[in-house]
Amino acid sequence: MSPMKGDKIELNQRQLQRYRVMGLVEAGKMTLKEGAEKIGMSYRQAKRIRKRVQEKGGKGLIHGNTGNPSNHRMKERIKAKVLKLSQKVYGEFNDQHFTEKLAEEEGIEVSRETVRKIRRAAGMGPKRKRRGKKHRKRRERRAQEGWMVLWDGSPHPWFGPDLPPCCLMAALDDATGAILAARFFVFEGTEGYLWLLRQIVTQYGIPISIYQDRHGSLKRNDDHWTLEEELAGRQEPTQVGQALRTLGIQPIFALSPQAKGRIERLFATLQDRLGAELGLAKVTTLPQGNDLLPAFIRRFNHRFAVAPRQSEKAWRSVPKTLDVDRAISFHYPTKVGLDNTVRLGGLLLDIPPGPLGRSYAKARVEVRQLLNGSWKVYYQDRLIAKHPSTALQEPIRALRRNRSPAPRAESHNWVYQASAQPIYDKPFGS
């Protein structure tokens, strides 16, 4: 709005105060020095103001550029392009994320505040409304990288509301907030956690501890006890728990979602930022999503990861004697049958003769399915049999609660879970 309309002059409160003081100075009711103190400026500045008022009256108090477009104002052509991109391409991106994409992909350097003003002026509200939350004291980060890892899974319609949800499983370092590993799976389960663990151990080393919830893949939540467990006074860990124990990693179980707030906030951010990027790339399958993740993680860590309080890292190196593939795999202790075979659900593993034609009938062995699907059988820590890869389907013990005080039988059956995890290479619903 122009400060001058016809012969009228519009002054703001500060300009009006200066005009009144200069009038008192001209009338001899106040010295220029007193007037300068009154309006909060130096004597030399007040002298210049007095001269402009004497020459131009009230117009002398109005800056020459007032009402003119700013030299720093964005060109209308650029503004129109930003708005078009916001509406047609980056509609699912929040203001900050959109600002970053403008610089990275479109070569347009603008501030977040400029983007916000353009969007609001066009009637585009914020992507998420911020609501006040109950005050909670945030847990202090661990001082060293590798001291504690947090991991979890997030079921969500990652590839769009019209496609079935899947689960993004991710792990981050507590000291830095950096994503250490992430991958899409059909559901949250043992395979996903073992995959994350292997990625962490092979790329960074062995962490001191892992902070996790009480998901059934991580903690036994059943009241079924075998005879061996009753005699030992404790339940055997889950497949993931067994791998953590082998690696000497301390599991820490959260008692509430708020207790693992750091990784919960990570998934909230990923549902916003990663979801928008998946939509932009038109990703509809798990393999496509997993192909996009590495580059996204690099950008995410560059922007959001922080420096640890201590530069020394707590990662432990992997012992040379440790077989990582064996340690981080599905683990099944069992007995060899009289026909020198091991049965796991519908799977039959032949055990070849040992040295001098030795039979392994009735021998206790350790059966391992590696994450590539292949099978290996160990007797007294020595590999005695292999089997080609099959689908990663975890056999579980078919145990029932004891309904009488009679002792439980030591024998048990193995069955396959019904929900084997497929790898999708086609769009959902096709």
Protein backbone atom coordinates (compact mmCIF):
# COMPACT_ATOMS: atom_id res chain seq x y z
CA MET A 1 0.00 0.00 0.00
CA SER A 2 1.38 3.41 -0.96
CA PRO A 3 1.98 5.84 1.97
CA MET A 4 0.68 8.71 -0.19
CA LYS A 5 -2.89 8.92 -1.55
CA GLY A 6 -3.47 12.09 -3.54
CA ASP A 7 -2.46 14.95 -1.28
CA LYS A 8 -2.71 12.80 1.87
CA ILE A 9 0.32 11.27 3.57
CA GLU A 10 0.15 8.10 5.68
CA LEU A 11 2.80 7.88 8.41
CA ASN A 12 3.45 4.97 10.70
CA GLN A 13 3.76 5.47 14.46
CA ARG A 14 7.52 5.97 14.42
CA GLN A 15 7.39 8.49 11.57
CA LEU A 16 4.54 10.36 13.29
CA GLN A 17 6.55 10.58 16.54
CA ARG A 18 9.53 12.03 14.66
CA TYR A 19 7.30 14.58 12.89
CA ARG A 20 5.83 15.78 16.20
CA VAL A 21 9.24 16.10 17.87
CA MET A 22 10.64 18.05 14.90
CA GLY A 23 7.60 20.38 15.17
CA LEU A 24 8.45 21.07 18.82
CA VAL A 25 12.06 21.74 17.86
CA GLU A 26 10.96 24.22 15.15
CA ALA A 27 8.64 25.96 17.63
CA GLY A 28 11.55 26.45 20.06
CA LYS A 29 9.93 24.30 22.75
CA MET A 30 12.70 21.69 22.61
CA THR A 31 16.33 21.73 21.61
CA LEU A 32 17.52 19.47 18.77
CA LYS A 33 19.66 17.56 21.26
CA GLU A 34 16.63 16.90 23.46
CA GLY A 35 14.62 15.94 20.40
CA ALA A 36 17.30 13.44 19.31
CA GLU A 37 17.16 11.78 22.74
CA LYS A 38 13.37 11.71 22.60
CA ILE A 39 13.23 9.78 19.32
CA GLY A 40 16.28 7.61 20.13
CA MET A 41 18.82 8.69 17.53
CA SER A 42 22.13 10.55 17.42
CA TYR A 43 22.37 14.34 17.12
CA ARG A 44 23.71 14.09 13.54
CA GLN A 45 20.83 11.82 12.50
CA ALA A 46 18.31 14.20 14.07
CA LYS A 47 19.92 17.10 12.20
CA ARG A 48 19.37 15.31 8.86
CA ILE A 49 15.77 14.47 9.75
CA ARG A 50 15.11 18.14 10.66
CA LYS A 51 16.47 19.30 7.32
CA ARG A 52 14.24 16.87 5.35
CA VAL A 53 11.18 17.96 7.29
CA GLN A 54 12.02 21.65 6.63
CA GLU A 55 12.32 20.92 2.90
CA LYS A 56 9.53 18.40 2.27
CA GLY A 57 7.36 18.40 5.36
CA GLY A 58 5.97 15.01 6.33
CA LYS A 59 7.04 13.49 3.00
CA GLY A 60 10.66 13.90 4.11
CA LEU A 61 10.14 11.16 6.72
CA ILE A 62 9.11 8.54 4.14
CA HIS A 63 11.90 6.43 2.61
CA GLY A 64 12.25 6.80 -1.15
CA ASN A 65 11.80 3.06 -1.78
CA THR A 66 8.65 2.76 0.32
CA GLY A 67 5.87 1.18 -1.75
CA ASN A 68 8.25 -0.03 -4.48
CA PRO A 69 8.89 -3.76 -5.11
CA SER A 70 11.94 -5.12 -3.27
CA ASN A 71 15.07 -5.74 -5.34
CA HIS A 72 15.27 -9.14 -3.59
CA ARG A 73 11.73 -10.17 -4.49
CA MET A 74 11.47 -13.48 -6.37
CA LYS A 75 10.77 -13.12 -10.06
CA GLU A 76 7.19 -13.95 -10.97
CA ARG A 77 8.41 -16.57 -13.46
CA ILE A 78 10.33 -18.43 -10.72
CA LYS A 79 7.44 -18.08 -8.29
CA ALA A 80 5.02 -19.55 -10.84
CA LYS A 81 7.37 -22.49 -11.47
CA VAL A 82 7.72 -23.20 -7.75
CA LEU A 83 3.94 -23.18 -7.34
CA LYS A 84 3.43 -25.44 -10.37
CA LEU A 85 6.01 -27.95 -9.10
CA SER A 86 4.40 -27.88 -5.68
CA GLN A 87 0.97 -28.63 -7.10
CA LYS A 88 1.85 -31.08 -9.88
CA VAL A 89 4.95 -32.95 -8.71
CA TYR A 90 5.79 -32.42 -5.03
CA GLY A 91 2.33 -32.17 -3.52
CA GLU A 92 3.10 -34.87 -0.91
CA PHE A 93 6.30 -33.16 0.28
CA ASN A 94 6.34 -30.95 3.37
CA ASP A 95 7.69 -27.39 3.10
CA GLN A 96 11.25 -28.20 4.18
CA HIS A 97 11.47 -31.38 2.09
CA PHE A 98 10.10 -29.53 -0.95
CA THR A 99 12.66 -26.74 -0.46
CA GLU A 100 15.46 -29.34 -0.47
CA LYS A 101 14.09 -31.00 -3.62
CA LEU A 102 13.91 -27.64 -5.40
CA ALA A 103 17.65 -27.21 -4.81
CA GLU A 104 18.64 -30.84 -5.50
CA GLU A 105 16.46 -31.67 -8.49
CA GLU A 106 15.29 -28.36 -10.00
CA GLY A 107 18.25 -26.03 -9.33
CA ILE A 108 16.04 -23.45 -7.58
CA GLU A 109 17.59 -21.99 -4.43
CA VAL A 110 14.88 -20.52 -2.20
CA SER A 111 14.31 -20.43 1.55
CA ARG A 112 11.81 -22.58 3.37
CA GLU A 113 9.95 -19.44 4.46
CA THR A 114 9.56 -18.36 0.82
CA VAL A 115 8.18 -21.78 -0.08
CA ARG A 116 5.81 -21.62 2.88
CA LYS A 117 4.47 -18.19 1.82
CA ILE A 118 3.95 -19.29 -1.80
CA ARG A 119 2.08 -22.41 -0.74
CA ARG A 120 -0.12 -20.71 1.86
CA ALA A 121 -0.98 -17.88 -0.54
CA ALA A 122 -2.18 -20.56 -3.00
CA GLY A 123 -4.31 -22.20 -0.30
CA MET A 124 -1.98 -25.16 0.27
CA GLY A 125 -1.97 -25.85 3.98
CA PRO A 126 0.80 -27.62 5.94
CA LYS A 127 1.04 -31.35 5.34
CA ARG A 128 0.76 -32.14 9.04
CA LYS A 129 -0.81 -30.06 11.76
CA ARG A 130 1.41 -29.71 14.78
CA ARG A 131 -0.38 -30.47 18.01
CA GLY A 132 0.82 -29.89 21.50
CA LYS A 133 2.07 -33.06 23.14
CA LYS A 134 2.35 -34.12 26.72
CA HIS A 135 5.63 -32.99 28.19
CA ARG A 136 8.18 -35.78 28.43
CA LYS A 137 11.83 -35.62 29.34
CA ARG A 138 13.90 -36.89 26.42
CA ARG A 139 16.43 -39.58 27.24
CA GLU A 140 19.99 -38.44 26.72
CA ARG A 141 21.75 -40.05 23.78
CA ARG A 142 24.56 -42.54 24.40
CA ALA A 143 27.94 -40.85 24.22
CA GLN A 144 29.60 -43.19 21.70
CA GLU A 145 28.61 -44.52 18.31
CA GLY A 146 27.95 -48.25 18.53
CA TRP A 147 27.05 -48.21 22.22
CA MET A 148 23.35 -48.75 21.60
CA VAL A 149 21.31 -49.55 18.49
CA LEU A 150 17.54 -49.10 18.27
CA TRP A 151 15.48 -51.14 15.83
CA ASP A 152 11.83 -51.71 15.01
CA GLY A 153 9.35 -52.30 12.20
CA SER A 154 6.72 -49.94 10.84
CA PRO A 155 3.69 -51.48 9.04
CA HIS A 156 2.31 -48.78 6.73
CA PRO A 157 0.91 -48.36 3.19
CA TRP A 158 4.37 -47.26 2.03
CA PHE A 159 3.59 -47.58 -1.68
CA GLY A 160 0.33 -45.67 -1.56
CA PRO A 161 -3.14 -45.98 0.00
CA ASP A 162 -4.42 -48.14 -2.85
CA LEU A 163 -1.79 -50.87 -2.31
CA PRO A 164 -1.53 -53.33 0.61
CA PRO A 165 0.66 -52.19 3.50
CA CYS A 166 4.11 -53.66 4.04
CA CYS A 167 6.68 -53.23 6.80
CA LEU A 168 9.76 -51.05 6.76
CA MET A 169 12.30 -52.43 9.23
CA ALA A 170 15.09 -50.11 10.28
CA ALA A 171 17.89 -49.72 12.80
CA LEU A 172 19.57 -46.51 13.93
CA ASP A 173 22.49 -45.59 16.14
CA ASP A 174 21.42 -43.91 19.38
CA ALA A 175 24.45 -41.62 19.66
CA THR A 176 24.20 -40.14 16.16
CA GLY A 177 20.63 -40.80 15.02
CA ALA A 178 22.04 -42.19 11.76
CA ILE A 179 20.13 -44.97 10.00
CA LEU A 180 22.39 -48.03 10.02
CA ALA A 181 20.21 -50.35 7.92
CA ALA A 182 16.68 -50.44 6.51
CA ARG A 183 14.69 -52.73 4.25
CA PHE A 184 11.10 -53.40 3.22
CA PHE A 185 9.52 -56.73 4.16
CA VAL A 186 5.99 -58.03 3.83
CA PHE A 187 5.65 -58.13 7.62
CA GLU A 188 7.71 -57.57 10.76
CA GLY A 189 9.40 -60.82 11.68
CA THR A 190 12.51 -62.83 12.41
CA GLU A 191 13.96 -62.67 8.90
CA GLY A 192 13.86 -58.86 8.94
CA TYR A 193 15.61 -58.55 12.29
CA LEU A 194 18.28 -61.08 11.34
CA TRP A 195 18.85 -59.20 8.06
CA LEU A 196 19.26 -55.90 9.92
CA LEU A 197 21.63 -57.51 12.42
CA ARG A 198 23.82 -58.97 9.69
CA GLN A 199 24.00 -55.63 7.87
CA ILE A 200 25.03 -53.84 11.06
CA VAL A 201 27.65 -56.39 12.10
CA THR A 202 29.27 -56.70 8.67
CA GLN A 203 29.28 -52.96 7.93
CA TYR A 204 30.00 -51.40 11.33
CA GLY A 205 30.84 -54.08 13.90
CA ILE A 206 29.12 -55.55 16.96
CA PRO A 207 27.21 -53.04 19.13
CA ILE A 208 27.18 -53.16 22.92
CA SER A 209 23.39 -53.30 23.23
CA ILE A 210 20.15 -53.19 21.23
CA TYR A 211 17.04 -51.37 22.44
CA GLN A 212 13.86 -53.07 21.25
CA ASP A 213 10.21 -53.70 21.99
CA ARG A 214 8.62 -56.98 23.04
CA HIS A 215 7.65 -58.21 19.59
CA GLY A 216 7.31 -62.00 19.41
CA SER A 217 10.37 -62.22 17.15
CA LEU A 218 12.48 -60.58 19.85
CA LYS A 219 11.12 -61.91 23.14
CA ARG A 220 9.32 -65.09 24.07
CA ASN A 221 5.80 -64.05 25.08
CA ASP A 222 4.33 -67.55 25.41
CA ASP A 223 3.96 -69.74 28.49
CA HIS A 224 5.00 -72.96 26.73
CA TRP A 225 8.02 -74.59 28.38
CA THR A 226 9.85 -77.70 27.23
CA LEU A 227 11.20 -80.15 29.75
CA GLU A 228 14.73 -78.88 29.11
CA GLU A 229 13.60 -75.31 29.76
CA GLU A 230 11.86 -76.28 32.99
CA LEU A 231 14.98 -78.06 34.20
CA ALA A 232 17.12 -75.03 33.29
CA GLY A 233 14.64 -72.63 34.90
CA ARG A 234 14.46 -70.34 31.86
CA GLN A 235 13.02 -70.23 28.37
CA GLU A 236 15.28 -70.42 25.37
CA PRO A 237 15.48 -67.12 23.47
CA THR A 238 13.91 -66.46 20.10
CA GLN A 239 15.91 -66.89 16.91
CA VAL A 240 16.95 -63.23 17.13
CA GLY A 241 17.68 -63.57 20.84
CA GLN A 242 19.90 -66.56 20.10
CA ALA A 243 21.88 -64.53 17.56
CA LEU A 244 22.28 -61.64 20.02
CA ARG A 245 23.50 -64.03 22.70
CA THR A 246 26.02 -65.59 20.30
CA LEU A 247 27.38 -62.12 19.45
CA GLY A 248 27.41 -60.96 23.07
CA ILE A 249 24.91 -58.13 22.47
CA GLN A 250 22.79 -57.05 25.44
CA PRO A 251 19.07 -56.84 24.60
CA ILE A 252 17.20 -54.01 26.35
CA PHE A 253 13.40 -54.29 26.25
CA ALA A 254 11.26 -51.15 26.19
CA LEU A 255 8.16 -51.19 28.37
CA SER A 256 6.13 -48.71 26.29
CA PRO A 257 6.13 -47.04 22.84
CA GLN A 258 7.16 -43.79 24.52
CA ALA A 259 10.27 -45.48 25.91
CA LYS A 260 11.55 -46.02 22.36
CA GLY A 261 10.49 -42.57 21.22
CA ARG A 262 13.62 -41.95 19.17
CA ILE A 263 12.91 -44.68 16.65
CA GLU A 264 9.18 -43.93 16.76
CA ARG A 265 10.00 -40.38 15.69
CA LEU A 266 12.26 -41.76 12.96
CA PHE A 267 9.37 -43.73 11.46
CA ALA A 268 7.08 -40.69 11.67
CA THR A 269 9.68 -38.73 9.68
CA LEU A 270 10.15 -41.58 7.21
CA GLN A 271 6.41 -41.93 6.62
CA ASP A 272 6.48 -38.25 5.64
CA ARG A 273 9.74 -37.95 3.67
CA LEU A 274 10.30 -41.48 2.38
CA GLY A 275 6.62 -41.92 1.56
CA ALA A 276 6.74 -38.78 -0.60
CA GLU A 277 9.89 -39.95 -2.42
CA LEU A 278 8.43 -43.41 -3.07
CA GLY A 279 5.38 -41.78 -4.61
CA LEU A 280 7.53 -39.45 -6.70
CA ALA A 281 9.52 -42.43 -8.02
CA LYS A 282 6.27 -44.39 -8.64
CA VAL A 283 7.51 -47.32 -6.54
CA THR A 284 4.96 -50.15 -6.25
CA THR A 285 7.01 -53.26 -5.30
CA LEU A 286 9.31 -54.32 -2.49
CA PRO A 287 12.38 -54.73 -4.75
CA GLN A 288 11.84 -51.24 -6.21
CA GLY A 289 11.50 -49.80 -2.73
CA ASN A 290 14.63 -51.54 -1.50
CA ASP A 291 16.57 -50.28 -4.52
CA LEU A 292 15.62 -46.71 -3.61
CA LEU A 293 16.58 -46.99 0.07
CA PRO A 294 20.43 -46.74 -0.05
CA ALA A 295 20.50 -43.33 -1.76
CA PHE A 296 17.70 -42.07 0.47
CA ILE A 297 19.54 -43.20 3.61
CA ARG A 298 22.72 -41.40 2.54
CA ARG A 299 20.81 -38.13 2.06
CA PHE A 300 18.87 -38.63 5.27
CA ASN A 301 21.98 -39.24 7.38
CA HIS A 302 23.77 -36.28 5.80
CA ARG A 303 20.94 -34.00 6.86
CA PHE A 304 19.77 -35.42 10.19
CA ALA A 305 22.63 -37.37 11.80
CA VAL A 306 24.49 -35.60 14.62
CA ALA A 307 28.03 -35.93 15.93
CA PRO A 308 28.39 -38.14 19.04
CA ARG A 309 29.52 -36.56 22.30
CA GLN A 310 32.64 -38.73 22.25
CA SER A 311 34.62 -39.43 19.08
CA GLU A 312 35.78 -42.89 20.20
CA LYS A 313 33.53 -45.61 18.79
CA ALA A 314 32.09 -48.46 20.84
CA TRP A 315 31.68 -50.92 17.98
CA ARG A 316 33.44 -54.22 18.68
CA SER A 317 35.29 -55.88 15.85
CA VAL A 318 34.06 -59.27 14.63
CA PRO A 319 36.34 -62.07 15.87
CA LYS A 320 38.18 -63.84 13.06
CA THR A 321 36.98 -67.19 14.42
CA LEU A 322 33.30 -66.17 14.22
CA ASP A 323 31.25 -67.43 11.29
CA VAL A 324 28.84 -64.50 10.88
CA ASP A 325 26.56 -66.35 8.45
CA ARG A 326 26.14 -69.17 10.95
CA ALA A 327 25.77 -66.91 13.99
CA ILE A 328 23.05 -64.80 12.33
CA SER A 329 20.75 -67.48 10.96
CA PHE A 330 17.78 -69.67 11.89
CA HIS A 331 18.87 -72.13 14.57
CA TYR A 332 17.28 -75.54 15.26
CA PRO A 333 18.84 -78.07 17.67
CA THR A 334 17.37 -81.53 17.07
CA LYS A 335 18.16 -85.27 16.77
CA VAL A 336 19.06 -87.33 13.72
CA GLY A 337 16.56 -90.07 12.94
CA LEU A 338 17.37 -93.77 12.71
CA ASP A 339 17.41 -93.42 8.94
CA ASN A 340 20.13 -90.71 9.16
CA THR A 341 17.80 -87.90 8.22
CA VAL A 342 16.62 -84.74 9.94
CA ARG A 343 13.01 -83.73 9.47
CA LEU A 344 11.89 -80.12 9.85
CA GLY A 345 8.25 -79.78 8.96
CA GLY A 346 7.96 -80.96 5.37
CA LEU A 347 11.71 -80.67 4.80
CA LEU A 348 13.89 -83.78 4.86
CA LEU A 349 17.66 -83.36 5.25
CA ASP A 350 19.85 -86.36 4.45
CA ILE A 351 22.91 -86.81 6.65
CA PRO A 352 25.73 -88.53 4.70
CA PRO A 353 27.95 -91.09 6.45
CA GLY A 354 30.77 -89.73 8.56
CA PRO A 355 34.40 -90.87 8.66
CA LEU A 356 34.76 -94.63 8.18
CA GLY A 357 31.07 -94.86 7.26
CA ARG A 358 29.93 -93.69 10.66
CA SER A 359 26.18 -93.31 11.24
CA TYR A 360 24.80 -90.18 12.99
CA ALA A 361 21.52 -91.83 14.03
CA LYS A 362 20.22 -90.43 17.37
CA ALA A 363 23.04 -87.86 17.45
CA ARG A 364 22.13 -84.34 18.63
CA VAL A 365 22.89 -81.87 15.88
CA GLU A 366 22.47 -78.19 15.17
CA VAL A 367 20.58 -77.32 12.01
CA ARG A 368 21.05 -73.84 10.54
CA GLN A 369 19.21 -72.11 7.71
CA LEU A 370 21.27 -69.19 6.47
CA LEU A 371 19.69 -65.98 5.26
CA ASN A 372 20.32 -67.02 1.65
CA GLY A 373 17.98 -69.96 2.27
CA SER A 374 20.61 -72.73 2.29
CA TRP A 375 20.79 -75.33 5.08
CA LYS A 376 23.75 -76.62 7.06
CA VAL A 377 23.92 -79.31 9.74
CA TYR A 378 26.61 -79.29 12.44
CA TYR A 379 27.67 -82.06 14.80
CA GLN A 380 29.95 -81.04 17.67
CA ASP A 381 30.73 -77.80 15.84
CA ARG A 382 31.70 -79.67 12.65
CA LEU A 383 29.79 -79.30 9.37
CA ILE A 384 28.40 -82.69 8.37
CA ALA A 385 25.67 -81.89 5.80
CA LYS A 386 24.38 -79.23 3.42
CA HIS A 387 21.09 -78.69 1.62
CA PRO A 388 20.12 -76.35 -1.24
CA SER A 389 18.25 -73.15 -0.56
CA THR A 390 14.54 -73.12 0.27
CA ALA A 391 12.16 -70.31 1.18
CA LEU A 392 12.85 -68.66 4.53
CA GLN A 393 10.06 -70.26 6.53
CA GLU A 394 10.70 -70.58 10.21
CA PRO A 395 9.72 -73.98 11.68
CA ILE A 396 8.29 -73.62 15.18
CA ARG A 397 7.71 -76.13 17.92
CA ALA A 398 4.12 -77.32 18.16
CA LEU A 399 3.83 -77.21 21.94
CA ARG A 400 0.66 -77.25 24.00
CA ARG A 401 0.07 -76.18 27.55
CA ASN A 402 0.18 -79.00 30.03
CA ARG A 403 -3.36 -79.62 31.26
CA SER A 404 -2.35 -82.02 34.04
CA PRO A 405 0.43 -82.10 36.64
CA ALA A 406 2.07 -84.93 34.72
CA PRO A 407 5.59 -84.17 33.37
CA ARG A 408 5.80 -82.86 29.81
CA ALA A 409 7.14 -85.20 27.21
CA GLU A 410 10.60 -84.36 25.95
CA SER A 411 9.71 -85.02 22.32
CA HIS A 412 8.22 -82.36 20.12
CA ASN A 413 7.11 -81.84 16.54
CA TRP A 414 8.25 -79.23 14.09
CA VAL A 415 5.78 -77.43 11.84
CA TYR A 416 6.11 -74.58 9.38
CA GLN A 417 4.43 -71.28 9.99
CA ALA A 418 1.64 -70.68 7.51
CA SER A 419 2.81 -67.15 6.71
CA ALA A 420 5.92 -67.70 4.63
CA GLN A 421 7.32 -64.42 3.33
CA PRO A 422 7.33 -64.05 -0.48
CA ILE A 423 9.44 -61.56 -2.35
CA TYR A 424 7.22 -59.47 -4.61
CA ASP A 425 8.55 -58.57 -8.03
CA LYS A 426 5.22 -57.33 -9.37
CA PRO A 427 3.01 -54.43 -8.24
CA PHE A 428 0.63 -55.34 -5.44
CA GLY A 429 -2.75 -56.40 -6.72
CA SER A 430 -1.48 -57.29 -10.21
